[in-house]
Amino acid sequence: MKTNRPPKYVAKITAKGKSYLYFRRGKSRFRLEGEPGSPAFEADYQRRLNGIAIDPKPPPKIPKSVGALIIDYKQAPEFTSLEPKSQKDYDRDLERLKPIEICKAADIRRKHVIKIRNKVAKASGARAADHFVSVASALFRAGLDLDYDLEANPAHNINRLAKSESYEVWPQQIREAFEKSSPPEYLMTAYMLGRWLGLRASDIVRVGPAHRETDTIVIRCGKTRKSSGADAHASMSSELKSHLERLPKGLLYVRREDGSSIDANALAKRMRKHLKSIGVVGYTVHGLRHLRGMELAEAGCSENEIMAQLGHVTPQMAAHYTKAARRKALSASAAKKLEQGERTIVKLKV
C-alpha cells in the first residue's frame, strides 16, 4: 500500500503555508530539489544519501523565528565581539536550539528552554546546562532589542544547576593542602598565576615572558580581548617572580609535561582532578581570581585599582569585591565595639 511518508532521512517542514523537504542526517540539514518522485528530487536525494558533497542551499529564513533570531544575533556586536573560543562555545549552545528553530521566537516559553536545559544537563552535566541557559538568555535578550515580538525573555532568571561553591575563594587551609601535595609543575604554575595575578584560566594558558614588563604582567583579558577590551596590569609578588624564574625558557609559562600548550578547559579539568585526589572538591582555578580580588579590596584598593589589576572593563565586579570587604571590616569593627562594651559593663559591676 502506498503512503505519503517521506523517504528515509527526509523531513517535511511547513512555513508560511509552504512545505519544504530537507535531508537531515546527524547535525547536517540540506533542502532538497524538486518534488518527491521527480528526477531532480531523486538525484538530489541520492547524492545526499551517498554523502556526495555539493554546495548546500541555506534553509529559508522564516521571519521572526528562533532560527532567524540566531542568524541576526550572530551578526550583532554582542556575538561578533566575543573571542573565537567563546563564539565556538556559543555556537554549540545555539545548535541545541535546533528543535525549536522554526518556531516563532515570541512563542517560546520558559518551559521550552528548561526542557532543553534538562537534556543538556543529562548529557553533559550541570555546568554545561547552565552555560546553555546563559547563551539562550543572551539570544532572547537580543530578540527583545531586535523587535521579535517577545513579551519577555523566556530564559531569564532560570535556576542554575551547578553548585555555587565551584567559584568559591580558596581558604588558607585549601591553599596549603594544594601547595604541599607536590602537584605537576604546570598545575603549580597555573595556581601561582591565579593566586598572585588573579588571571582567568583562559589567560593563564596563554601568558608568557612576552607579557612581562619588569615586575608586572600586562595582558588583554580573555573575555575582553577585542579592541574595546581592557588590559590587566597585574603586579607580581616576590613568590611568583621566584617561581617563574625557575621555569624552563619558553613562549608560555604553563605547558604540559611534554612542553606542548594546554587549553583552559583541559587545565580546569586537571586542576579539579588533582584537588579531588587530595580530598578537596568544590574549588576551581577561577576561585583564585576571586581570592585575589578580595585580597586587593581588603588591602584598601579602590574599584579602579582592582579593575586595573584584574582587567575588568566595568566597575560592577570590582564593586562586588569592595562591598564585600567593607562588610567584613564593618563586621569586625562591630565585634570589637561589642567586646569593648562588654568589658566596660564588667568593670562597672566590679
C-alpha atoms as a PDB file:
ATOM      1  CA  MET A   1       0.000   0.000   0.000  1.00  0.00           C
ATOM      2  CA  LYS A   2       1.373   3.379  -0.988  1.00  0.00           C
ATOM      3  CA  THR A   3       1.896   6.036   1.673  1.00  0.00           C
ATOM      4  CA  ASN A   4       2.824   9.706   1.630  1.00  0.00           C
ATOM      5  CA  ARG A   5       5.610   9.150   4.135  1.00  0.00           C
ATOM      6  CA  PRO A   6       8.865  10.920   3.045  1.00  0.00           C
ATOM      7  CA  PRO A   7      11.913   8.768   2.242  1.00  0.00           C
ATOM      8  CA  LYS A   8      14.473   7.911   4.905  1.00  0.00           C
ATOM      9  CA  TYR A   9      16.256  10.963   6.433  1.00  0.00           C
ATOM     10  CA  VAL A  10      13.801  13.332   4.733  1.00  0.00           C
ATOM     11  CA  ALA A  11      11.761  15.742   6.849  1.00  0.00           C
ATOM     12  CA  LYS A  12       8.888  17.950   5.757  1.00  0.00           C
ATOM     13  CA  ILE A  13       8.818  21.470   7.168  1.00  0.00           C
ATOM     14  CA  THR A  14       5.962  23.901   6.630  1.00  0.00           C
ATOM     15  CA  ALA A  15       6.475  27.645   6.882  1.00  0.00           C
ATOM     16  CA  LYS A  16       4.105  30.455   5.858  1.00  0.00           C
ATOM     17  CA  GLY A  17       1.779  27.976   4.197  1.00  0.00           C
ATOM     18  CA  LYS A  18       4.517  26.401   2.050  1.00  0.00           C
ATOM     19  CA  SER A  19       6.117  22.982   2.530  1.00  0.00           C
ATOM     20  CA  TYR A  20       9.805  22.232   2.109  1.00  0.00           C
ATOM     21  CA  LEU A  21      11.668  18.915   2.118  1.00  0.00           C
ATOM     22  CA  TYR A  22      15.015  18.597   3.879  1.00  0.00           C
ATOM     23  CA  PHE A  23      17.578  15.840   4.059  1.00  0.00           C
ATOM     24  CA  ARG A  24      18.511  15.530   7.746  1.00  0.00           C
ATOM     25  CA  ARG A  25      21.236  13.179   8.888  1.00  0.00           C
ATOM     26  CA  GLY A  26      23.129  13.786  12.119  1.00  0.00           C
ATOM     27  CA  LYS A  27      23.678  17.519  12.513  1.00  0.00           C
ATOM     28  CA  SER A  28      23.500  18.228   8.770  1.00  0.00           C
ATOM     29  CA  ARG A  29      20.392  19.615   7.094  1.00  0.00           C
ATOM     30  CA  PHE A  30      20.007  20.351   3.367  1.00  0.00           C
ATOM     31  CA  ARG A  31      16.985  21.475   1.381  1.00  0.00           C
ATOM     32  CA  LEU A  32      16.167  19.029  -1.430  1.00  0.00           C
ATOM     33  CA  GLU A  33      15.387  19.990  -5.009  1.00  0.00           C
ATOM     34  CA  GLY A  34      12.066  19.218  -6.714  1.00  0.00           C
ATOM     35  CA  GLU A  35       9.082  17.171  -5.592  1.00  0.00           C
ATOM     36  CA  PRO A  36       9.182  13.543  -4.378  1.00  0.00           C
ATOM     37  CA  GLY A  37       9.255  11.218  -7.371  1.00  0.00           C
ATOM     38  CA  SER A  38      10.681  13.827  -9.735  1.00  0.00           C
ATOM     39  CA  PRO A  39      14.099  13.199 -11.395  1.00  0.00           C
ATOM     40  CA  ALA A  40      15.562  16.305  -9.704  1.00  0.00           C
ATOM     41  CA  PHE A  41      14.414  15.123  -6.272  1.00  0.00           C
ATOM     42  CA  GLU A  42      15.643  11.563  -6.751  1.00  0.00           C
ATOM     43  CA  ALA A  43      19.057  12.724  -7.995  1.00  0.00           C
ATOM     44  CA  ASP A  44      19.479  15.196  -5.136  1.00  0.00           C
ATOM     45  CA  TYR A  45      18.296  12.632  -2.577  1.00  0.00           C
ATOM     46  CA  GLN A  46      20.741  10.010  -3.812  1.00  0.00           C
ATOM     47  CA  ARG A  47      23.632  12.489  -3.690  1.00  0.00           C
ATOM     48  CA  ARG A  48      22.799  13.294  -0.064  1.00  0.00           C
ATOM     49  CA  LEU A  49      22.255   9.656   0.834  1.00  0.00           C
ATOM     50  CA  ASN A  50      25.629   8.668  -0.622  1.00  0.00           C
ATOM     51  CA  GLY A  51      27.382  11.542   1.119  1.00  0.00           C
ATOM     52  CA  ILE A  52      28.426  13.342  -2.055  1.00  0.00           C
ATOM     53  CA  ALA A  53      29.415  16.886  -1.084  1.00  0.00           C
ATOM     54  CA  ILE A  54      27.793  19.691  -3.060  1.00  0.00           C
ATOM     55  CA  ASP A  55      27.192  23.295  -2.147  1.00  0.00           C
ATOM     56  CA  PRO A  56      24.186  23.265   0.220  1.00  0.00           C
ATOM     57  CA  LYS A  57      21.436  25.836  -0.067  1.00  0.00           C
ATOM     58  CA  PRO A  58      20.728  27.513   3.260  1.00  0.00           C
ATOM     59  CA  PRO A  59      17.296  26.850   4.778  1.00  0.00           C
ATOM     60  CA  PRO A  60      14.733  29.612   4.302  1.00  0.00           C
ATOM     61  CA  LYS A  61      14.837  32.350   6.921  1.00  0.00           C
ATOM     62  CA  ILE A  62      11.404  32.150   8.495  1.00  0.00           C
ATOM     63  CA  PRO A  63      10.528  35.689   9.652  1.00  0.00           C
ATOM     64  CA  LYS A  64      10.805  36.225  13.416  1.00  0.00           C
ATOM     65  CA  SER A  65      11.548  32.536  14.069  1.00  0.00           C
ATOM     66  CA  VAL A  66      14.162  31.304  16.510  1.00  0.00           C
ATOM     67  CA  GLY A  67      16.339  30.342  13.537  1.00  0.00           C
ATOM     68  CA  ALA A  68      16.079  33.858  12.113  1.00  0.00           C
ATOM     69  CA  LEU A  69      16.906  35.310  15.516  1.00  0.00           C
ATOM     70  CA  ILE A  70      20.018  33.149  15.739  1.00  0.00           C
ATOM     71  CA  ILE A  71      21.162  34.464  12.342  1.00  0.00           C
ATOM     72  CA  ASP A  72      20.558  38.080  13.389  1.00  0.00           C
ATOM     73  CA  TYR A  73      22.175  37.574  16.793  1.00  0.00           C
ATOM     74  CA  LYS A  74      25.337  36.119  15.252  1.00  0.00           C
ATOM     75  CA  GLN A  75      25.679  39.288  13.168  1.00  0.00           C
ATOM     76  CA  ALA A  76      25.245  41.573  16.184  1.00  0.00           C
ATOM     77  CA  PRO A  77      28.158  43.095  18.171  1.00  0.00           C
ATOM     78  CA  GLU A  78      27.085  41.104  21.239  1.00  0.00           C
ATOM     79  CA  PHE A  79      28.248  37.989  19.382  1.00  0.00           C
ATOM     80  CA  THR A  80      30.886  39.267  16.966  1.00  0.00           C
ATOM     81  CA  SER A  81      32.843  40.972  19.764  1.00  0.00           C
ATOM     82  CA  LEU A  82      33.308  37.647  21.563  1.00  0.00           C
ATOM     83  CA  GLU A  83      36.614  35.842  21.369  1.00  0.00           C
ATOM     84  CA  PRO A  84      36.787  32.977  18.806  1.00  0.00           C
ATOM     85  CA  LYS A  85      36.709  30.377  21.578  1.00  0.00           C
ATOM     86  CA  SER A  86      33.653  31.992  23.156  1.00  0.00           C
ATOM     87  CA  GLN A  87      31.951  32.165  19.757  1.00  0.00           C
ATOM     88  CA  LYS A  88      32.612  28.453  19.321  1.00  0.00           C
ATOM     89  CA  ASP A  89      31.088  27.729  22.737  1.00  0.00           C
ATOM     90  CA  TYR A  90      28.069  29.894  21.913  1.00  0.00           C
ATOM     91  CA  ASP A  91      27.657  28.145  18.545  1.00  0.00           C
ATOM     92  CA  ARG A  92      27.497  24.815  20.327  1.00  0.00           C
ATOM     93  CA  ASP A  93      24.700  26.022  22.595  1.00  0.00           C
ATOM     94  CA  LEU A  94      22.817  27.774  19.801  1.00  0.00           C
ATOM     95  CA  GLU A  95      22.913  24.456  17.925  1.00  0.00           C
ATOM     96  CA  ARG A  96      20.979  22.926  20.827  1.00  0.00           C
ATOM     97  CA  LEU A  97      18.023  25.138  19.839  1.00  0.00           C
ATOM     98  CA  LYS A  98      17.537  23.332  16.503  1.00  0.00           C
ATOM     99  CA  PRO A  99      14.385  21.504  17.711  1.00  0.00           C
ATOM    100  CA  ILE A 100      12.629  24.876  18.035  1.00  0.00           C
ATOM    101  CA  GLU A 101      14.366  26.951  15.354  1.00  0.00           C
ATOM    102  CA  ILE A 102      11.318  27.009  13.040  1.00  0.00           C
ATOM    103  CA  CYS A 103       9.077  28.233  15.879  1.00  0.00           C
ATOM    104  CA  LYS A 104       8.246  31.890  16.327  1.00  0.00           C
ATOM    105  CA  ALA A 105      10.592  33.403  18.896  1.00  0.00           C
ATOM    106  CA  ALA A 106       7.585  35.041  20.569  1.00  0.00           C
ATOM    107  CA  ASP A 107       6.011  31.597  21.117  1.00  0.00           C
ATOM    108  CA  ILE A 108       8.929  30.233  23.129  1.00  0.00           C
ATOM    109  CA  ARG A 109       8.216  29.919  26.821  1.00  0.00           C
ATOM    110  CA  ARG A 110      10.291  29.257  29.907  1.00  0.00           C
ATOM    111  CA  LYS A 111       9.247  25.579  29.896  1.00  0.00           C
ATOM    112  CA  HIS A 112      10.742  25.075  26.423  1.00  0.00           C
ATOM    113  CA  VAL A 113      14.144  26.412  27.494  1.00  0.00           C
ATOM    114  CA  ILE A 114      14.078  24.342  30.691  1.00  0.00           C
ATOM    115  CA  LYS A 115      13.233  21.187  28.734  1.00  0.00           C
ATOM    116  CA  ILE A 116      16.298  21.650  26.514  1.00  0.00           C
ATOM    117  CA  ARG A 117      18.402  22.606  29.557  1.00  0.00           C
ATOM    118  CA  ASN A 118      17.457  19.357  31.274  1.00  0.00           C
ATOM    119  CA  LYS A 119      18.552  17.334  28.232  1.00  0.00           C
ATOM    120  CA  VAL A 120      21.885  19.158  28.206  1.00  0.00           C
ATOM    121  CA  ALA A 121      22.331  18.500  31.936  1.00  0.00           C
ATOM    122  CA  LYS A 122      21.683  14.787  31.441  1.00  0.00           C
ATOM    123  CA  ALA A 123      24.112  14.530  28.536  1.00  0.00           C
ATOM    124  CA  SER A 124      26.868  16.979  29.545  1.00  0.00           C
ATOM    125  CA  GLY A 125      26.409  17.980  33.189  1.00  0.00           C
ATOM    126  CA  ALA A 126      25.149  20.896  35.244  1.00  0.00           C
ATOM    127  CA  ARG A 127      27.757  23.448  34.213  1.00  0.00           C
ATOM    128  CA  ALA A 128      27.104  22.821  30.502  1.00  0.00           C
ATOM    129  CA  ALA A 129      23.372  23.206  31.152  1.00  0.00           C
ATOM    130  CA  ASP A 130      23.916  26.500  32.956  1.00  0.00           C
ATOM    131  CA  HIS A 131      26.060  27.780  30.090  1.00  0.00           C
ATOM    132  CA  PHE A 132      23.294  26.879  27.639  1.00  0.00           C
ATOM    133  CA  VAL A 133      20.810  28.898  29.687  1.00  0.00           C
ATOM    134  CA  SER A 134      23.177  31.891  29.677  1.00  0.00           C
ATOM    135  CA  VAL A 135      23.548  31.726  25.888  1.00  0.00           C
ATOM    136  CA  ALA A 136      19.798  31.281  25.391  1.00  0.00           C
ATOM    137  CA  SER A 137      19.186  34.282  27.640  1.00  0.00           C
ATOM    138  CA  ALA A 138      21.621  36.390  25.574  1.00  0.00           C
ATOM    139  CA  LEU A 139      19.874  35.272  22.383  1.00  0.00           C
ATOM    140  CA  PHE A 140      16.356  36.145  23.531  1.00  0.00           C
ATOM    141  CA  ARG A 141      17.578  39.393  25.089  1.00  0.00           C
ATOM    142  CA  ALA A 142      18.728  40.297  21.583  1.00  0.00           C
ATOM    143  CA  GLY A 143      15.269  39.306  20.369  1.00  0.00           C
ATOM    144  CA  LEU A 144      13.752  41.909  22.668  1.00  0.00           C
ATOM    145  CA  ASP A 145      16.043  44.553  21.183  1.00  0.00           C
ATOM    146  CA  LEU A 146      15.531  43.420  17.573  1.00  0.00           C
ATOM    147  CA  ASP A 147      11.719  43.592  17.670  1.00  0.00           C
ATOM    148  CA  TYR A 148      10.953  39.863  17.541  1.00  0.00           C
ATOM    149  CA  ASP A 149       7.616  40.490  19.332  1.00  0.00           C
ATOM    150  CA  LEU A 150       8.802  38.916  22.592  1.00  0.00           C
ATOM    151  CA  GLU A 151       6.909  39.978  25.699  1.00  0.00           C
ATOM    152  CA  ALA A 152       9.718  38.746  27.953  1.00  0.00           C
ATOM    153  CA  ASN A 153      12.985  36.808  27.881  1.00  0.00           C
ATOM    154  CA  PRO A 154      11.977  33.129  28.367  1.00  0.00           C
ATOM    155  CA  ALA A 155      15.480  32.179  29.553  1.00  0.00           C
ATOM    156  CA  HIS A 156      15.809  34.967  32.122  1.00  0.00           C
ATOM    157  CA  ASN A 157      16.400  34.031  35.753  1.00  0.00           C
ATOM    158  CA  ILE A 158      16.167  30.257  35.266  1.00  0.00           C
ATOM    159  CA  ASN A 159      17.647  28.452  38.255  1.00  0.00           C
ATOM    160  CA  ARG A 160      21.244  27.352  37.875  1.00  0.00           C
ATOM    161  CA  LEU A 161      22.069  23.682  38.407  1.00  0.00           C
ATOM    162  CA  ALA A 162      25.803  23.833  39.168  1.00  0.00           C
ATOM    163  CA  LYS A 163      26.761  24.370  42.777  1.00  0.00           C
ATOM    164  CA  SER A 164      27.681  27.957  43.569  1.00  0.00           C
ATOM    165  CA  GLU A 165      30.702  26.931  45.631  1.00  0.00           C
ATOM    166  CA  SER A 166      32.536  25.951  42.426  1.00  0.00           C
ATOM    167  CA  TYR A 167      33.881  29.533  42.267  1.00  0.00           C
ATOM    168  CA  GLU A 168      34.446  29.869  45.987  1.00  0.00           C
ATOM    169  CA  VAL A 169      37.537  31.676  47.260  1.00  0.00           C
ATOM    170  CA  TRP A 170      40.280  29.237  48.227  1.00  0.00           C
ATOM    171  CA  PRO A 171      40.750  29.438  52.032  1.00  0.00           C
ATOM    172  CA  GLN A 172      44.218  29.199  53.534  1.00  0.00           C
ATOM    173  CA  GLN A 173      43.913  25.534  54.522  1.00  0.00           C
ATOM    174  CA  ILE A 174      42.994  24.557  50.939  1.00  0.00           C
ATOM    175  CA  ARG A 175      45.890  26.562  49.518  1.00  0.00           C
ATOM    176  CA  GLU A 176      48.315  24.958  51.947  1.00  0.00           C
ATOM    177  CA  ALA A 177      46.992  21.478  51.139  1.00  0.00           C
ATOM    178  CA  PHE A 178      47.482  22.103  47.412  1.00  0.00           C
ATOM    179  CA  GLU A 179      50.983  23.543  47.804  1.00  0.00           C
ATOM    180  CA  LYS A 180      52.094  20.558  49.934  1.00  0.00           C
ATOM    181  CA  SER A 181      50.615  17.977  47.535  1.00  0.00           C
ATOM    182  CA  SER A 182      53.527  18.116  45.040  1.00  0.00           C
ATOM    183  CA  PRO A 183      51.334  18.975  42.015  1.00  0.00           C
ATOM    184  CA  PRO A 184      52.785  18.774  38.470  1.00  0.00           C
ATOM    185  CA  GLU A 185      54.815  21.857  37.599  1.00  0.00           C
ATOM    186  CA  TYR A 186      52.256  23.193  35.097  1.00  0.00           C
ATOM    187  CA  LEU A 187      49.473  22.977  37.710  1.00  0.00           C
ATOM    188  CA  MET A 188      51.647  24.704  40.292  1.00  0.00           C
ATOM    189  CA  THR A 189      52.444  27.456  37.785  1.00  0.00           C
ATOM    190  CA  ALA A 190      48.775  27.859  36.923  1.00  0.00           C
ATOM    191  CA  TYR A 191      47.982  28.064  40.634  1.00  0.00           C
ATOM    192  CA  MET A 192      50.643  30.740  41.164  1.00  0.00           C
ATOM    193  CA  LEU A 193      49.381  32.833  38.241  1.00  0.00           C
ATOM    194  CA  GLY A 194      45.817  32.617  39.500  1.00  0.00           C
ATOM    195  CA  ARG A 195      46.813  33.132  43.123  1.00  0.00           C
ATOM    196  CA  TRP A 196      49.022  36.196  42.687  1.00  0.00           C
ATOM    197  CA  LEU A 197      47.712  37.767  39.456  1.00  0.00           C
ATOM    198  CA  GLY A 198      44.035  36.801  39.535  1.00  0.00           C
ATOM    199  CA  LEU A 199      44.086  35.678  35.891  1.00  0.00           C
ATOM    200  CA  ARG A 200      41.275  33.640  34.354  1.00  0.00           C
ATOM    201  CA  ALA A 201      42.124  30.127  33.159  1.00  0.00           C
ATOM    202  CA  SER A 202      41.800  31.342  29.552  1.00  0.00           C
ATOM    203  CA  ASP A 203      44.566  33.894  30.228  1.00  0.00           C
ATOM    204  CA  ILE A 204      46.714  31.622  32.380  1.00  0.00           C
ATOM    205  CA  VAL A 205      47.214  29.204  29.472  1.00  0.00           C
ATOM    206  CA  ARG A 206      48.462  31.916  27.087  1.00  0.00           C
ATOM    207  CA  VAL A 207      50.553  34.172  29.307  1.00  0.00           C
ATOM    208  CA  GLY A 208      54.321  34.054  28.855  1.00  0.00           C
ATOM    209  CA  PRO A 209      57.559  36.066  29.122  1.00  0.00           C
ATOM    210  CA  ALA A 210      56.373  38.357  26.313  1.00  0.00           C
ATOM    211  CA  HIS A 211      53.684  39.715  28.661  1.00  0.00           C
ATOM    212  CA  ARG A 212      56.158  40.614  31.383  1.00  0.00           C
ATOM    213  CA  GLU A 213      57.202  44.219  31.928  1.00  0.00           C
ATOM    214  CA  THR A 214      59.744  44.242  34.766  1.00  0.00           C
ATOM    215  CA  ASP A 215      57.623  43.327  37.820  1.00  0.00           C
ATOM    216  CA  THR A 216      54.248  43.496  36.050  1.00  0.00           C
ATOM    217  CA  ILE A 217      52.272  41.212  33.764  1.00  0.00           C
ATOM    218  CA  VAL A 218      50.306  43.126  31.100  1.00  0.00           C
ATOM    219  CA  ILE A 219      47.762  41.059  29.196  1.00  0.00           C
ATOM    220  CA  ARG A 220      44.495  41.695  27.355  1.00  0.00           C
ATOM    221  CA  CYS A 221      41.960  39.655  29.295  1.00  0.00           C
ATOM    222  CA  GLY A 222      40.211  36.684  27.732  1.00  0.00           C
ATOM    223  CA  LYS A 223      36.602  37.871  27.827  1.00  0.00           C
ATOM    224  CA  THR A 224      37.520  41.361  26.625  1.00  0.00           C
ATOM    225  CA  ARG A 225      40.426  40.737  24.281  1.00  0.00           C
ATOM    226  CA  LYS A 226      38.890  42.716  21.421  1.00  0.00           C
ATOM    227  CA  SER A 227      39.864  46.337  20.810  1.00  0.00           C
ATOM    228  CA  SER A 228      37.112  47.510  23.173  1.00  0.00           C
ATOM    229  CA  GLY A 229      38.512  45.403  25.998  1.00  0.00           C
ATOM    230  CA  ALA A 230      40.903  46.201  28.799  1.00  0.00           C
ATOM    231  CA  ASP A 231      44.414  45.146  29.768  1.00  0.00           C
ATOM    232  CA  ALA A 232      45.199  43.711  33.159  1.00  0.00           C
ATOM    233  CA  HIS A 233      48.264  45.350  34.715  1.00  0.00           C
ATOM    234  CA  ALA A 234      48.986  42.828  37.457  1.00  0.00           C
ATOM    235  CA  SER A 235      51.905  43.376  39.819  1.00  0.00           C
ATOM    236  CA  MET A 236      53.903  40.228  40.559  1.00  0.00           C
ATOM    237  CA  SER A 237      54.681  39.129  44.091  1.00  0.00           C
ATOM    238  CA  SER A 238      58.174  38.007  45.064  1.00  0.00           C
ATOM    239  CA  GLU A 239      56.864  34.419  45.356  1.00  0.00           C
ATOM    240  CA  LEU A 240      55.549  34.464  41.795  1.00  0.00           C
ATOM    241  CA  LYS A 241      58.706  36.062  40.353  1.00  0.00           C
ATOM    242  CA  SER A 242      60.848  33.452  42.050  1.00  0.00           C
ATOM    243  CA  HIS A 243      58.679  30.634  40.704  1.00  0.00           C
ATOM    244  CA  LEU A 244      58.640  31.951  37.116  1.00  0.00           C
ATOM    245  CA  GLU A 245      62.399  32.420  37.068  1.00  0.00           C
ATOM    246  CA  ARG A 246      62.861  28.710  37.863  1.00  0.00           C
ATOM    247  CA  LEU A 247      60.791  27.606  34.853  1.00  0.00           C
ATOM    248  CA  PRO A 248      62.423  26.361  31.636  1.00  0.00           C
ATOM    249  CA  LYS A 249      62.528  29.015  28.923  1.00  0.00           C
ATOM    250  CA  GLY A 250      59.607  29.001  26.516  1.00  0.00           C
ATOM    251  CA  LEU A 251      56.844  31.075  24.957  1.00  0.00           C
ATOM    252  CA  LEU A 252      54.318  30.064  27.634  1.00  0.00           C
ATOM    253  CA  TYR A 253      54.589  29.734  31.380  1.00  0.00           C
ATOM    254  CA  VAL A 254      52.027  26.913  31.596  1.00  0.00           C
ATOM    255  CA  ARG A 255      52.893  23.890  29.435  1.00  0.00           C
ATOM    256  CA  ARG A 256      52.152  20.181  29.590  1.00  0.00           C
ATOM    257  CA  GLU A 257      54.797  17.694  30.685  1.00  0.00           C
ATOM    258  CA  ASP A 258      55.882  17.268  27.035  1.00  0.00           C
ATOM    259  CA  GLY A 259      56.213  21.053  26.550  1.00  0.00           C
ATOM    260  CA  SER A 260      53.032  21.479  24.491  1.00  0.00           C
ATOM    261  CA  SER A 261      50.358  24.050  25.261  1.00  0.00           C
ATOM    262  CA  ILE A 262      47.183  23.253  27.176  1.00  0.00           C
ATOM    263  CA  ASP A 263      43.749  24.837  26.729  1.00  0.00           C
ATOM    264  CA  ALA A 264      41.680  26.373  29.511  1.00  0.00           C
ATOM    265  CA  ASN A 265      39.124  23.555  29.696  1.00  0.00           C
ATOM    266  CA  ALA A 266      41.802  20.878  29.998  1.00  0.00           C
ATOM    267  CA  LEU A 267      43.589  22.924  32.658  1.00  0.00           C
ATOM    268  CA  ALA A 268      40.383  23.317  34.674  1.00  0.00           C
ATOM    269  CA  LYS A 269      39.651  19.580  34.481  1.00  0.00           C
ATOM    270  CA  ARG A 270      43.161  18.599  35.530  1.00  0.00           C
ATOM    271  CA  MET A 271      43.059  21.027  38.437  1.00  0.00           C
ATOM    272  CA  ARG A 272      39.760  19.588  39.660  1.00  0.00           C
ATOM    273  CA  LYS A 273      41.122  16.053  39.257  1.00  0.00           C
ATOM    274  CA  HIS A 274      44.251  16.858  41.279  1.00  0.00           C
ATOM    275  CA  LEU A 275      42.266  18.576  44.019  1.00  0.00           C
ATOM    276  CA  LYS A 276      39.932  15.584  44.217  1.00  0.00           C
ATOM    277  CA  SER A 277      42.954  13.301  44.593  1.00  0.00           C
ATOM    278  CA  ILE A 278      43.876  15.137  47.813  1.00  0.00           C
ATOM    279  CA  GLY A 279      40.318  15.168  49.117  1.00  0.00           C
ATOM    280  CA  VAL A 280      39.336  18.687  48.014  1.00  0.00           C
ATOM    281  CA  VAL A 281      36.170  19.314  45.978  1.00  0.00           C
ATOM    282  CA  GLY A 282      34.185  22.420  45.075  1.00  0.00           C
ATOM    283  CA  TYR A 283      37.147  24.669  44.176  1.00  0.00           C
ATOM    284  CA  THR A 284      38.359  25.724  40.728  1.00  0.00           C
ATOM    285  CA  VAL A 285      41.032  27.855  39.101  1.00  0.00           C
ATOM    286  CA  HIS A 286      38.550  30.727  38.881  1.00  0.00           C
ATOM    287  CA  GLY A 287      38.212  30.743  42.647  1.00  0.00           C
ATOM    288  CA  LEU A 288      41.807  32.002  42.795  1.00  0.00           C
ATOM    289  CA  ARG A 289      40.742  35.067  40.809  1.00  0.00           C
ATOM    290  CA  HIS A 290      38.044  35.796  43.376  1.00  0.00           C
ATOM    291  CA  LEU A 291      40.615  35.313  46.122  1.00  0.00           C
ATOM    292  CA  ARG A 292      42.898  37.925  44.555  1.00  0.00           C
ATOM    293  CA  GLY A 293      40.009  40.338  44.118  1.00  0.00           C
ATOM    294  CA  MET A 294      39.047  40.002  47.773  1.00  0.00           C
ATOM    295  CA  GLU A 295      42.659  40.466  48.912  1.00  0.00           C
ATOM    296  CA  LEU A 296      43.009  43.645  46.841  1.00  0.00           C
ATOM    297  CA  ALA A 297      39.768  45.036  48.271  1.00  0.00           C
ATOM    298  CA  GLU A 298      40.680  44.166  51.854  1.00  0.00           C
ATOM    299  CA  ALA A 299      44.051  45.866  51.342  1.00  0.00           C
ATOM    300  CA  GLY A 300      42.137  49.091  50.661  1.00  0.00           C
ATOM    301  CA  CYS A 301      42.401  49.181  46.840  1.00  0.00           C
ATOM    302  CA  SER A 302      39.796  51.293  45.063  1.00  0.00           C
ATOM    303  CA  GLU A 303      37.464  49.891  42.427  1.00  0.00           C
ATOM    304  CA  ASN A 304      39.575  51.482  39.680  1.00  0.00           C
ATOM    305  CA  GLU A 305      42.737  49.923  41.104  1.00  0.00           C
ATOM    306  CA  ILE A 306      41.080  46.491  41.200  1.00  0.00           C
ATOM    307  CA  MET A 307      39.860  46.958  37.623  1.00  0.00           C
ATOM    308  CA  ALA A 308      43.418  47.732  36.504  1.00  0.00           C
ATOM    309  CA  GLN A 309      44.842  44.709  38.335  1.00  0.00           C
ATOM    310  CA  LEU A 310      42.258  42.179  37.150  1.00  0.00           C
ATOM    311  CA  GLY A 311      41.381  43.629  33.745  1.00  0.00           C
ATOM    312  CA  HIS A 312      37.691  44.361  34.363  1.00  0.00           C
ATOM    313  CA  VAL A 313      36.031  46.613  31.794  1.00  0.00           C
ATOM    314  CA  THR A 314      33.170  47.756  34.037  1.00  0.00           C
ATOM    315  CA  PRO A 315      33.247  48.509  37.774  1.00  0.00           C
ATOM    316  CA  GLN A 316      30.441  46.116  38.747  1.00  0.00           C
ATOM    317  CA  MET A 317      32.673  43.158  39.646  1.00  0.00           C
ATOM    318  CA  ALA A 318      35.247  45.350  41.348  1.00  0.00           C
ATOM    319  CA  ALA A 319      32.409  46.897  43.355  1.00  0.00           C
ATOM    320  CA  HIS A 320      31.393  43.392  44.428  1.00  0.00           C
ATOM    321  CA  TYR A 321      34.839  42.907  45.973  1.00  0.00           C
ATOM    322  CA  THR A 322      34.955  46.313  47.676  1.00  0.00           C
ATOM    323  CA  LYS A 323      31.446  45.942  49.098  1.00  0.00           C
ATOM    324  CA  ALA A 324      32.286  42.521  50.498  1.00  0.00           C
ATOM    325  CA  ALA A 325      35.495  43.899  52.014  1.00  0.00           C
ATOM    326  CA  ARG A 326      33.581  46.797  53.622  1.00  0.00           C
ATOM    327  CA  ARG A 327      31.025  44.388  55.089  1.00  0.00           C
ATOM    328  CA  LYS A 328      33.835  42.274  56.509  1.00  0.00           C
ATOM    329  CA  ALA A 329      35.536  45.345  58.002  1.00  0.00           C
ATOM    330  CA  LEU A 330      32.259  46.623  59.462  1.00  0.00           C
ATOM    331  CA  SER A 331      31.528  43.228  60.977  1.00  0.00           C
ATOM    332  CA  ALA A 332      34.972  43.132  62.591  1.00  0.00           C
ATOM    333  CA  SER A 333      34.514  46.708  63.867  1.00  0.00           C
ATOM    334  CA  ALA A 334      31.103  45.834  65.314  1.00  0.00           C
ATOM    335  CA  ALA A 335      32.510  42.771  67.067  1.00  0.00           C
ATOM    336  CA  LYS A 336      35.345  44.848  68.540  1.00  0.00           C
ATOM    337  CA  LYS A 337      32.934  47.520  69.813  1.00  0.00           C
ATOM    338  CA  LEU A 338      30.708  44.837  71.322  1.00  0.00           C
ATOM    339  CA  GLU A 339      33.680  43.270  73.072  1.00  0.00           C
ATOM    340  CA  GLN A 340      34.785  46.667  74.433  1.00  0.00           C
ATOM    341  CA  GLY A 341      31.230  47.345  75.637  1.00  0.00           C
ATOM    342  CA  GLU A 342      31.070  44.026  77.463  1.00  0.00           C
ATOM    343  CA  ARG A 343      34.391  44.770  79.194  1.00  0.00           C
ATOM    344  CA  THR A 344      33.072  48.180  80.332  1.00  0.00           C
ATOM    345  CA  ILE A 345      29.961  46.546  81.818  1.00  0.00           C
ATOM    346  CA  VAL A 346      32.099  44.060  83.729  1.00  0.00           C
ATOM    347  CA  LYS A 347      34.236  46.873  85.199  1.00  0.00           C
ATOM    348  CA  LEU A 348      31.157  48.800  86.298  1.00  0.00           C
ATOM    349  CA  LYS A 349      29.807  45.722  88.091  1.00  0.00           C
ATOM    350  CA  VAL A 350      33.101  45.325  89.959  1.00  0.00           C
END
